[in-house]
Amino acid sequence: MNQERILKVLLAPHISEKAAILADTREQYVFKVEPTATKTEVKQAVESLFDVKVQSVNMINIKGKRKIFKGRQGQRNGIRKAIVRLAAGQEIDFSTAE
């Protein structure tokens, strides 16, 4: 995988209360990723960008909500998230990341 693809796979860290609990207790971090990203691409991207060892990656597809506004039906955009488990004793500090 080329360096350009590695930089485009991870879109942003997913910040929520549940993600903070996972990071504190289980050494797992949640990222919003590109819809076409695979587990191996996410693993390589996290290892190269944050200099950590990834133990496993789980992917989640969240469908967009159906909404009705003034009688018109629509659908919000869906997102794809990756839950990344790091090796024991490692952590990611987002404040010092580039």
PDB file of N, CA and C in Angstrom:
ATOM      1  N   MET A   1       0.854  -1.173   0.000  1.00  0.00           N
ATOM      2  CA  MET A   1       0.000   0.000   0.000  1.00  0.00           C
ATOM      3  C   MET A   1       0.899   1.236   0.000  1.00  0.00           C
ATOM      4  N   ASN A   2       0.555   2.198  -0.851  1.00  0.00           N
ATOM      5  CA  ASN A   2       1.392   3.385  -0.953  1.00  0.00           C
ATOM      6  C   ASN A   2       1.092   4.379   0.174  1.00  0.00           C
ATOM      7  N   GLN A   3       1.997   5.311   0.351  1.00  0.00           N
ATOM      8  CA  GLN A   3       1.913   6.279   1.452  1.00  0.00           C
ATOM      9  C   GLN A   3       0.699   7.196   1.314  1.00  0.00           C
ATOM     10  N   GLU A   4       0.322   7.519   0.089  1.00  0.00           N
ATOM     11  CA  GLU A   4      -0.832   8.398  -0.130  1.00  0.00           C
ATOM     12  C   GLU A   4      -2.122   7.744   0.370  1.00  0.00           C
ATOM     13  N   ARG A   5      -2.277   6.458   0.100  1.00  0.00           N
ATOM     14  CA  ARG A   5      -3.477   5.732   0.553  1.00  0.00           C
ATOM     15  C   ARG A   5      -3.498   5.636   2.079  1.00  0.00           C
ATOM     16  N   ILE A   6      -2.346   5.439   2.690  1.00  0.00           N
ATOM     17  CA  ILE A   6      -2.268   5.358   4.151  1.00  0.00           C
ATOM     18  C   ILE A   6      -2.776   6.647   4.795  1.00  0.00           C
ATOM     19  N   LEU A   7      -2.431   7.780   4.220  1.00  0.00           N
ATOM     20  CA  LEU A   7      -2.842   9.058   4.789  1.00  0.00           C
ATOM     21  C   LEU A   7      -4.327   9.346   4.580  1.00  0.00           C
ATOM     22  N   LYS A   8      -4.957   8.705   3.599  1.00  0.00           N
ATOM     23  CA  LYS A   8      -6.368   8.966   3.310  1.00  0.00           C
ATOM     24  C   LYS A   8      -7.323   7.991   3.999  1.00  0.00           C
ATOM     25  N   VAL A   9      -6.821   6.899   4.552  1.00  0.00           N
ATOM     26  CA  VAL A   9      -7.685   5.885   5.150  1.00  0.00           C
ATOM     27  C   VAL A   9      -8.341   6.406   6.427  1.00  0.00           C
ATOM     28  N   LEU A  10      -7.582   6.963   7.335  1.00  0.00           N
ATOM     29  CA  LEU A  10      -8.121   7.484   8.591  1.00  0.00           C
ATOM     30  C   LEU A  10      -8.631   8.897   8.370  1.00  0.00           C
ATOM     31  N   LEU A  11      -9.902   9.130   8.675  1.00  0.00           N
ATOM     32  CA  LEU A  11     -10.472  10.461   8.510  1.00  0.00           C
ATOM     33  C   LEU A  11     -10.347  11.294   9.783  1.00  0.00           C
ATOM     34  N   ALA A  12     -10.712  10.687  10.933  1.00  0.00           N
ATOM     35  CA  ALA A  12     -10.656  11.421  12.205  1.00  0.00           C
ATOM     36  C   ALA A  12     -10.862  10.442  13.352  1.00  0.00           C
ATOM     37  N   PRO A  13     -10.382  10.792  14.542  1.00  0.00           N
ATOM     38  CA  PRO A  13     -10.739   9.968  15.701  1.00  0.00           C
ATOM     39  C   PRO A  13     -12.203  10.217  16.058  1.00  0.00           C
ATOM     40  N   HIS A  14     -12.894   9.187  16.473  1.00  0.00           N
ATOM     41  CA  HIS A  14     -14.297   9.321  16.883  1.00  0.00           C
ATOM     42  C   HIS A  14     -14.307   9.633  18.374  1.00  0.00           C
ATOM     43  N   ILE A  15     -14.773  10.807  18.721  1.00  0.00           N
ATOM     44  CA  ILE A  15     -14.771  11.261  20.104  1.00  0.00           C
ATOM     45  C   ILE A  15     -16.170  11.091  20.688  1.00  0.00           C
ATOM     46  N   SER A  16     -16.290  10.229  21.677  1.00  0.00           N
ATOM     47  CA  SER A  16     -17.551  10.043  22.384  1.00  0.00           C
ATOM     48  C   SER A  16     -17.230   9.510  23.779  1.00  0.00           C
ATOM     49  N   GLU A  17     -18.258   9.427  24.613  1.00  0.00           N
ATOM     50  CA  GLU A  17     -18.055   8.924  25.964  1.00  0.00           C
ATOM     51  C   GLU A  17     -17.666   7.447  25.934  1.00  0.00           C
ATOM     52  N   LYS A  18     -18.313   6.693  25.067  1.00  0.00           N
ATOM     53  CA  LYS A  18     -18.004   5.266  24.952  1.00  0.00           C
ATOM     54  C   LYS A  18     -16.584   5.046  24.434  1.00  0.00           C
ATOM     55  N   ALA A  19     -16.151   5.878  23.478  1.00  0.00           N
ATOM     56  CA  ALA A  19     -14.792   5.758  22.945  1.00  0.00           C
ATOM     57  C   ALA A  19     -13.752   6.091  24.018  1.00  0.00           C
ATOM     58  N   ALA A  20     -14.057   7.037  24.883  1.00  0.00           N
ATOM     59  CA  ALA A  20     -13.138   7.394  25.970  1.00  0.00           C
ATOM     60  C   ALA A  20     -13.017   6.250  26.981  1.00  0.00           C
ATOM     61  N   ILE A  21     -14.137   5.592  27.258  1.00  0.00           N
ATOM     62  CA  ILE A  21     -14.105   4.455  28.188  1.00  0.00           C
ATOM     63  C   ILE A  21     -13.299   3.310  27.600  1.00  0.00           C
ATOM     64  N   LEU A  22     -13.475   3.038  26.294  1.00  0.00           N
ATOM     65  CA  LEU A  22     -12.701   1.984  25.634  1.00  0.00           C
ATOM     66  C   LEU A  22     -11.209   2.286  25.674  1.00  0.00           C
ATOM     67  N   ALA A  23     -10.853   3.546  25.455  1.00  0.00           N
ATOM     68  CA  ALA A  23      -9.439   3.925  25.454  1.00  0.00           C
ATOM     69  C   ALA A  23      -8.827   3.761  26.847  1.00  0.00           C
ATOM     70  N   ASP A  24      -9.572   4.095  27.881  1.00  0.00           N
ATOM     71  CA  ASP A  24      -9.042   4.016  29.242  1.00  0.00           C
ATOM     72  C   ASP A  24      -8.938   2.583  29.756  1.00  0.00           C
ATOM     73  N   THR A  25      -9.940   1.772  29.498  1.00  0.00           N
ATOM     74  CA  THR A  25      -9.992   0.453  30.123  1.00  0.00           C
ATOM     75  C   THR A  25      -9.424  -0.667  29.258  1.00  0.00           C
ATOM     76  N   ARG A  26      -9.624  -0.611  27.938  1.00  0.00           N
ATOM     77  CA  ARG A  26      -9.274  -1.754  27.096  1.00  0.00           C
ATOM     78  C   ARG A  26      -8.203  -1.471  26.049  1.00  0.00           C
ATOM     79  N   GLU A  27      -7.615  -0.296  26.075  1.00  0.00           N
ATOM     80  CA  GLU A  27      -6.591   0.094  25.108  1.00  0.00           C
ATOM     81  C   GLU A  27      -7.107  -0.028  23.667  1.00  0.00           C
ATOM     82  N   GLN A  28      -8.374   0.403  23.456  1.00  0.00           N
ATOM     83  CA  GLN A  28      -8.981   0.409  22.133  1.00  0.00           C
ATOM     84  C   GLN A  28      -9.307   1.837  21.744  1.00  0.00           C
ATOM     85  N   TYR A  29      -9.074   2.168  20.482  1.00  0.00           N
ATOM     86  CA  TYR A  29      -9.330   3.510  19.985  1.00  0.00           C
ATOM     87  C   TYR A  29     -10.248   3.434  18.786  1.00  0.00           C
ATOM     88  N   VAL A  30     -11.149   4.410  18.655  1.00  0.00           N
ATOM     89  CA  VAL A  30     -12.155   4.405  17.604  1.00  0.00           C
ATOM     90  C   VAL A  30     -11.821   5.513  16.610  1.00  0.00           C
ATOM     91  N   PHE A  31     -11.825   5.164  15.320  1.00  0.00           N
ATOM     92  CA  PHE A  31     -11.539   6.107  14.242  1.00  0.00           C
ATOM     93  C   PHE A  31     -12.661   6.068  13.219  1.00  0.00           C
ATOM     94  N   LYS A  32     -12.975   7.225  12.647  1.00  0.00           N
ATOM     95  CA  LYS A  32     -13.816   7.265  11.460  1.00  0.00           C
ATOM     96  C   LYS A  32     -12.890   7.005  10.279  1.00  0.00           C
ATOM     97  N   VAL A  33     -13.289   6.081   9.408  1.00  0.00           N
ATOM     98  CA  VAL A  33     -12.434   5.699   8.295  1.00  0.00           C
ATOM     99  C   VAL A  33     -13.186   5.851   6.979  1.00  0.00           C
ATOM    100  N   GLU A  34     -12.442   5.800   5.900  1.00  0.00           N
ATOM    101  CA  GLU A  34     -13.010   5.884   4.566  1.00  0.00           C
ATOM    102  C   GLU A  34     -13.903   4.661   4.321  1.00  0.00           C
ATOM    103  N   PRO A  35     -15.014   4.824   3.604  1.00  0.00           N
ATOM    104  CA  PRO A  35     -15.943   3.699   3.406  1.00  0.00           C
ATOM    105  C   PRO A  35     -15.339   2.495   2.687  1.00  0.00           C
ATOM    106  N   THR A  36     -14.285   2.680   1.910  1.00  0.00           N
ATOM    107  CA  THR A  36     -13.682   1.566   1.183  1.00  0.00           C
ATOM    108  C   THR A  36     -12.474   0.968   1.905  1.00  0.00           C
ATOM    109  N   ALA A  37     -12.203   1.418   3.110  1.00  0.00           N
ATOM    110  CA  ALA A  37     -11.019   0.953   3.849  1.00  0.00           C
ATOM    111  C   ALA A  37     -11.201  -0.484   4.324  1.00  0.00           C
ATOM    112  N   THR A  38     -10.103  -1.230   4.342  1.00  0.00           N
ATOM    113  CA  THR A  38     -10.111  -2.600   4.846  1.00  0.00           C
ATOM    114  C   THR A  38      -9.374  -2.647   6.187  1.00  0.00           C
ATOM    115  N   LYS A  39      -9.474  -3.784   6.866  1.00  0.00           N
ATOM    116  CA  LYS A  39      -8.827  -3.937   8.167  1.00  0.00           C
ATOM    117  C   LYS A  39      -7.309  -3.810   8.051  1.00  0.00           C
ATOM    118  N   THR A  40      -6.730  -4.415   7.033  1.00  0.00           N
ATOM    119  CA  THR A  40      -5.273  -4.355   6.886  1.00  0.00           C
ATOM    120  C   THR A  40      -4.804  -2.938   6.582  1.00  0.00           C
ATOM    121  N   GLU A  41      -5.571  -2.189   5.809  1.00  0.00           N
ATOM    122  CA  GLU A  41      -5.206  -0.802   5.517  1.00  0.00           C
ATOM    123  C   GLU A  41      -5.265   0.051   6.775  1.00  0.00           C
ATOM    124  N   VAL A  42      -6.296  -0.156   7.597  1.00  0.00           N
ATOM    125  CA  VAL A  42      -6.428   0.606   8.843  1.00  0.00           C
ATOM    126  C   VAL A  42      -5.279   0.252   9.780  1.00  0.00           C
ATOM    127  N   LYS A  43      -4.939  -1.025   9.870  1.00  0.00           N
ATOM    128  CA  LYS A  43      -3.840  -1.459  10.733  1.00  0.00           C
ATOM    129  C   LYS A  43      -2.531  -0.811  10.307  1.00  0.00           C
ATOM    130  N   GLN A  44      -2.222  -0.830   9.019  1.00  0.00           N
ATOM    131  CA  GLN A  44      -0.992  -0.222   8.527  1.00  0.00           C
ATOM    132  C   GLN A  44      -0.988   1.288   8.740  1.00  0.00           C
ATOM    133  N   ALA A  45      -2.138   1.928   8.561  1.00  0.00           N
ATOM    134  CA  ALA A  45      -2.217   3.374   8.733  1.00  0.00           C
ATOM    135  C   ALA A  45      -1.972   3.783  10.180  1.00  0.00           C
ATOM    136  N   VAL A  46      -2.590   3.081  11.127  1.00  0.00           N
ATOM    137  CA  VAL A  46      -2.419   3.418  12.550  1.00  0.00           C
ATOM    138  C   VAL A  46      -0.983   3.146  12.985  1.00  0.00           C
ATOM    139  N   GLU A  47      -0.422   2.021  12.551  1.00  0.00           N
ATOM    140  CA  GLU A  47       0.952   1.704  12.944  1.00  0.00           C
ATOM    141  C   GLU A  47       1.955   2.709  12.383  1.00  0.00           C
ATOM    142  N   SER A  48       1.747   3.182  11.167  1.00  0.00           N
ATOM    143  CA  SER A  48       2.707   4.116  10.586  1.00  0.00           C
ATOM    144  C   SER A  48       2.526   5.545  11.098  1.00  0.00           C
ATOM    145  N   LEU A  49       1.289   5.955  11.337  1.00  0.00           N
ATOM    146  CA  LEU A  49       1.050   7.338  11.772  1.00  0.00           C
ATOM    147  C   LEU A  49       1.347   7.564  13.255  1.00  0.00           C
ATOM    148  N   PHE A  50       1.067   6.571  14.102  1.00  0.00           N
ATOM    149  CA  PHE A  50       1.194   6.766  15.545  1.00  0.00           C
ATOM    150  C   PHE A  50       2.335   5.963  16.172  1.00  0.00           C
ATOM    151  N   ASP A  51       3.074   5.186  15.401  1.00  0.00           N
ATOM    152  CA  ASP A  51       4.204   4.385  15.890  1.00  0.00           C
ATOM    153  C   ASP A  51       3.811   3.482  17.057  1.00  0.00           C
ATOM    154  N   VAL A  52       2.748   2.698  16.869  1.00  0.00           N
ATOM    155  CA  VAL A  52       2.289   1.743  17.866  1.00  0.00           C
ATOM    156  C   VAL A  52       2.118   0.385  17.191  1.00  0.00           C
ATOM    157  N   LYS A  53       1.949  -0.662  17.995  1.00  0.00           N
ATOM    158  CA  LYS A  53       1.715  -2.007  17.486  1.00  0.00           C
ATOM    159  C   LYS A  53       0.236  -2.330  17.637  1.00  0.00           C
ATOM    160  N   VAL A  54      -0.450  -2.625  16.529  1.00  0.00           N
ATOM    161  CA  VAL A  54      -1.877  -2.920  16.537  1.00  0.00           C
ATOM    162  C   VAL A  54      -2.077  -4.418  16.701  1.00  0.00           C
ATOM    163  N   GLN A  55      -2.929  -4.782  17.656  1.00  0.00           N
ATOM    164  CA  GLN A  55      -3.221  -6.188  17.894  1.00  0.00           C
ATOM    165  C   GLN A  55      -4.371  -6.669  17.010  1.00  0.00           C
ATOM    166  N   SER A  56      -5.468  -5.882  16.928  1.00  0.00           N
ATOM    167  CA  SER A  56      -6.599  -6.279  16.104  1.00  0.00           C
ATOM    168  C   SER A  56      -7.393  -5.056  15.676  1.00  0.00           C
ATOM    169  N   VAL A  57      -8.211  -5.242  14.629  1.00  0.00           N
ATOM    170  CA  VAL A  57      -9.063  -4.171  14.104  1.00  0.00           C
ATOM    171  C   VAL A  57     -10.451  -4.739  13.864  1.00  0.00           C
ATOM    172  N   ASN A  58     -11.475  -4.056  14.352  1.00  0.00           N
ATOM    173  CA  ASN A  58     -12.872  -4.402  14.077  1.00  0.00           C
ATOM    174  C   ASN A  58     -13.510  -3.239  13.334  1.00  0.00           C
ATOM    175  N   MET A  59     -14.326  -3.564  12.317  1.00  0.00           N
ATOM    176  CA  MET A  59     -14.965  -2.540  11.490  1.00  0.00           C
ATOM    177  C   MET A  59     -16.468  -2.533  11.749  1.00  0.00           C
ATOM    178  N   ILE A  60     -17.056  -1.327  11.722  1.00  0.00           N
ATOM    179  CA  ILE A  60     -18.490  -1.155  11.921  1.00  0.00           C
ATOM    180  C   ILE A  60     -19.015  -0.241  10.824  1.00  0.00           C
ATOM    181  N   ASN A  61     -20.082  -0.664  10.152  1.00  0.00           N
ATOM    182  CA  ASN A  61     -20.792   0.188   9.198  1.00  0.00           C
ATOM    183  C   ASN A  61     -22.062   0.674   9.867  1.00  0.00           C
ATOM    184  N   ILE A  62     -22.252   1.982   9.938  1.00  0.00           N
ATOM    185  CA  ILE A  62     -23.448   2.556  10.533  1.00  0.00           C
ATOM    186  C   ILE A  62     -24.241   3.216   9.421  1.00  0.00           C
ATOM    187  N   LYS A  63     -25.466   2.723   9.203  1.00  0.00           N
ATOM    188  CA  LYS A  63     -26.307   3.264   8.149  1.00  0.00           C
ATOM    189  C   LYS A  63     -26.853   4.622   8.563  1.00  0.00           C
ATOM    190  N   GLY A  64     -27.056   5.482   7.575  1.00  0.00           N
ATOM    191  CA  GLY A  64     -27.613   6.805   7.836  1.00  0.00           C
ATOM    192  C   GLY A  64     -29.082   6.718   8.227  1.00  0.00           C
ATOM    193  N   LYS A  65     -29.500   7.639   9.067  1.00  0.00           N
ATOM    194  CA  LYS A  65     -30.872   7.663   9.546  1.00  0.00           C
ATOM    195  C   LYS A  65     -31.821   8.159   8.460  1.00  0.00           C
ATOM    196  N   ARG A  66     -32.987   7.569   8.364  1.00  0.00           N
ATOM    197  CA  ARG A  66     -34.029   8.067   7.464  1.00  0.00           C
ATOM    198  C   ARG A  66     -34.759   9.202   8.180  1.00  0.00           C
ATOM    199  N   LYS A  67     -34.925  10.314   7.489  1.00  0.00           N
ATOM    200  CA  LYS A  67     -35.573  11.483   8.076  1.00  0.00           C
ATOM    201  C   LYS A  67     -36.635  12.004   7.115  1.00  0.00           C
ATOM    202  N   ILE A  68     -37.641  12.655   7.678  1.00  0.00           N
ATOM    203  CA  ILE A  68     -38.670  13.313   6.878  1.00  0.00           C
ATOM    204  C   ILE A  68     -38.676  14.782   7.268  1.00  0.00           C
ATOM    205  N   PHE A  69     -38.529  15.640   6.259  1.00  0.00           N
ATOM    206  CA  PHE A  69     -38.515  17.077   6.512  1.00  0.00           C
ATOM    207  C   PHE A  69     -39.493  17.729   5.544  1.00  0.00           C
ATOM    208  N   LYS A  70     -40.531  18.345   6.088  1.00  0.00           N
ATOM    209  CA  LYS A  70     -41.577  18.999   5.299  1.00  0.00           C
ATOM    210  C   LYS A  70     -42.158  18.060   4.241  1.00  0.00           C
ATOM    211  N   GLY A  71     -42.407  16.832   4.645  1.00  0.00           N
ATOM    212  CA  GLY A  71     -43.035  15.869   3.760  1.00  0.00           C
ATOM    213  C   GLY A  71     -42.109  15.176   2.781  1.00  0.00           C
ATOM    214  N   ARG A  72     -40.853  15.550   2.756  1.00  0.00           N
ATOM    215  CA  ARG A  72     -39.894  14.925   1.837  1.00  0.00           C
ATOM    216  C   ARG A  72     -39.016  13.945   2.609  1.00  0.00           C
ATOM    217  N   GLN A  73     -38.862  12.778   2.044  1.00  0.00           N
ATOM    218  CA  GLN A  73     -38.019  11.779   2.681  1.00  0.00           C
ATOM    219  C   GLN A  73     -36.583  11.956   2.245  1.00  0.00           C
ATOM    220  N   GLY A  74     -35.708  11.678   3.162  1.00  0.00           N
ATOM    221  CA  GLY A  74     -34.291  11.756   2.865  1.00  0.00           C
ATOM    222  C   GLY A  74     -33.540  10.805   3.765  1.00  0.00           C
ATOM    223  N   GLN A  75     -32.237  10.749   3.564  1.00  0.00           N
ATOM    224  CA  GLN A  75     -31.413   9.879   4.391  1.00  0.00           C
ATOM    225  C   GLN A  75     -30.082  10.564   4.655  1.00  0.00           C
ATOM    226  N   ARG A  76     -29.670  10.542   5.914  1.00  0.00           N
ATOM    227  CA  ARG A  76     -28.370  11.088   6.279  1.00  0.00           C
ATOM    228  C   ARG A  76     -27.273  10.153   5.789  1.00  0.00           C
ATOM    229  N   ASN A  77     -26.075  10.669   5.715  1.00  0.00           N
ATOM    230  CA  ASN A  77     -24.949   9.853   5.282  1.00  0.00           C
ATOM    231  C   ASN A  77     -24.561   8.854   6.366  1.00  0.00           C
ATOM    232  N   GLY A  78     -24.186   7.662   5.951  1.00  0.00           N
ATOM    233  CA  GLY A  78     -23.696   6.655   6.876  1.00  0.00           C
ATOM    234  C   GLY A  78     -22.199   6.858   7.101  1.00  0.00           C
ATOM    235  N   ILE A  79     -21.675   6.220   8.141  1.00  0.00           N
ATOM    236  CA  ILE A  79     -20.238   6.310   8.413  1.00  0.00           C
ATOM    237  C   ILE A  79     -19.693   4.915   8.657  1.00  0.00           C
ATOM    238  N   ARG A  80     -18.401   4.778   8.529  1.00  0.00           N
ATOM    239  CA  ARG A  80     -17.698   3.523   8.814  1.00  0.00           C
ATOM    240  C   ARG A  80     -16.685   3.811   9.902  1.00  0.00           C
ATOM    241  N   LYS A  81     -16.719   2.999  10.952  1.00  0.00           N
ATOM    242  CA  LYS A  81     -15.808   3.195  12.069  1.00  0.00           C
ATOM    243  C   LYS A  81     -14.916   1.972  12.212  1.00  0.00           C
ATOM    244  N   ALA A  82     -13.729   2.208  12.733  1.00  0.00           N
ATOM    245  CA  ALA A  82     -12.794   1.132  13.020  1.00  0.00           C
ATOM    246  C   ALA A  82     -12.422   1.205  14.499  1.00  0.00           C
ATOM    247  N   ILE A  83     -12.551   0.072  15.179  1.00  0.00           N
ATOM    248  CA  ILE A  83     -12.118  -0.025  16.572  1.00  0.00           C
ATOM    249  C   ILE A  83     -10.779  -0.752  16.566  1.00  0.00           C
ATOM    250  N   VAL A  84      -9.739  -0.056  17.007  1.00  0.00           N
ATOM    251  CA  VAL A  84      -8.369  -0.562  16.924  1.00  0.00           C
ATOM    252  C   VAL A  84      -7.896  -0.912  18.326  1.00  0.00           C
ATOM    253  N   ARG A  85      -7.501  -2.175  18.518  1.00  0.00           N
ATOM    254  CA  ARG A  85      -6.949  -2.618  19.807  1.00  0.00           C
ATOM    255  C   ARG A  85      -5.434  -2.626  19.693  1.00  0.00           C
ATOM    256  N   LEU A  86      -4.781  -1.943  20.622  1.00  0.00           N
ATOM    257  CA  LEU A  86      -3.330  -1.867  20.621  1.00  0.00           C
ATOM    258  C   LEU A  86      -2.734  -2.972  21.492  1.00  0.00           C
ATOM    259  N   ALA A  87      -1.462  -3.228  21.289  1.00  0.00           N
ATOM    260  CA  ALA A  87      -0.752  -4.198  22.117  1.00  0.00           C
ATOM    261  C   ALA A  87      -0.680  -3.670  23.547  1.00  0.00           C
ATOM    262  N   ALA A  88      -0.463  -4.555  24.486  1.00  0.00           N
ATOM    263  CA  ALA A  88      -0.461  -4.190  25.903  1.00  0.00           C
ATOM    264  C   ALA A  88       0.602  -3.138  26.201  1.00  0.00           C
ATOM    265  N   GLY A  89       0.202  -2.123  26.966  1.00  0.00           N
ATOM    266  CA  GLY A  89       1.138  -1.093  27.397  1.00  0.00           C
ATOM    267  C   GLY A  89       1.318   0.060  26.426  1.00  0.00           C
ATOM    268  N   GLN A  90       0.627   0.052  25.303  1.00  0.00           N
ATOM    269  CA  GLN A  90       0.782   1.140  24.337  1.00  0.00           C
ATOM    270  C   GLN A  90      -0.475   2.013  24.340  1.00  0.00           C
ATOM    271  N   GLU A  91      -0.280   3.265  23.978  1.00  0.00           N
ATOM    272  CA  GLU A  91      -1.419   4.184  23.900  1.00  0.00           C
ATOM    273  C   GLU A  91      -1.152   5.241  22.853  1.00  0.00           C
ATOM    274  N   ILE A  92      -2.228   5.891  22.416  1.00  0.00           N
ATOM    275  CA  ILE A  92      -2.136   6.970  21.431  1.00  0.00           C
ATOM    276  C   ILE A  92      -2.504   8.268  22.125  1.00  0.00           C
ATOM    277  N   ASP A  93      -1.648   9.261  21.997  1.00  0.00           N
ATOM    278  CA  ASP A  93      -1.926  10.588  22.550  1.00  0.00           C
ATOM    279  C   ASP A  93      -2.256  11.508  21.387  1.00  0.00           C
ATOM    280  N   PHE A  94      -3.543  11.863  21.238  1.00  0.00           N
ATOM    281  CA  PHE A  94      -3.979  12.661  20.102  1.00  0.00           C
ATOM    282  C   PHE A  94      -3.498  14.100  20.174  1.00  0.00           C
ATOM    283  N   SER A  95      -3.136  14.586  21.349  1.00  0.00           N
ATOM    284  CA  SER A  95      -2.687  15.974  21.471  1.00  0.00           C
ATOM    285  C   SER A  95      -1.300  16.176  20.863  1.00  0.00           C
ATOM    286  N   THR A  96      -0.472  15.135  20.833  1.00  0.00           N
ATOM    287  CA  THR A  96       0.868  15.278  20.275  1.00  0.00           C
ATOM    288  C   THR A  96       0.980  14.691  18.869  1.00  0.00           C
ATOM    289  N   ALA A  97      -0.117  14.119  18.351  1.00  0.00           N
ATOM    290  CA  ALA A  97      -0.077  13.531  17.012  1.00  0.00           C
ATOM    291  C   ALA A  97       0.017  14.627  15.951  1.00  0.00           C
ATOM    292  N   GLU A  98       0.655  14.300  14.844  1.00  0.00           N
ATOM    293  CA  GLU A  98       0.839  15.286  13.781  1.00  0.00           C
ATOM    294  C   GLU A  98      -0.372  15.378  12.898  1.00  0.00           C
TER     295      GLU A  98
END
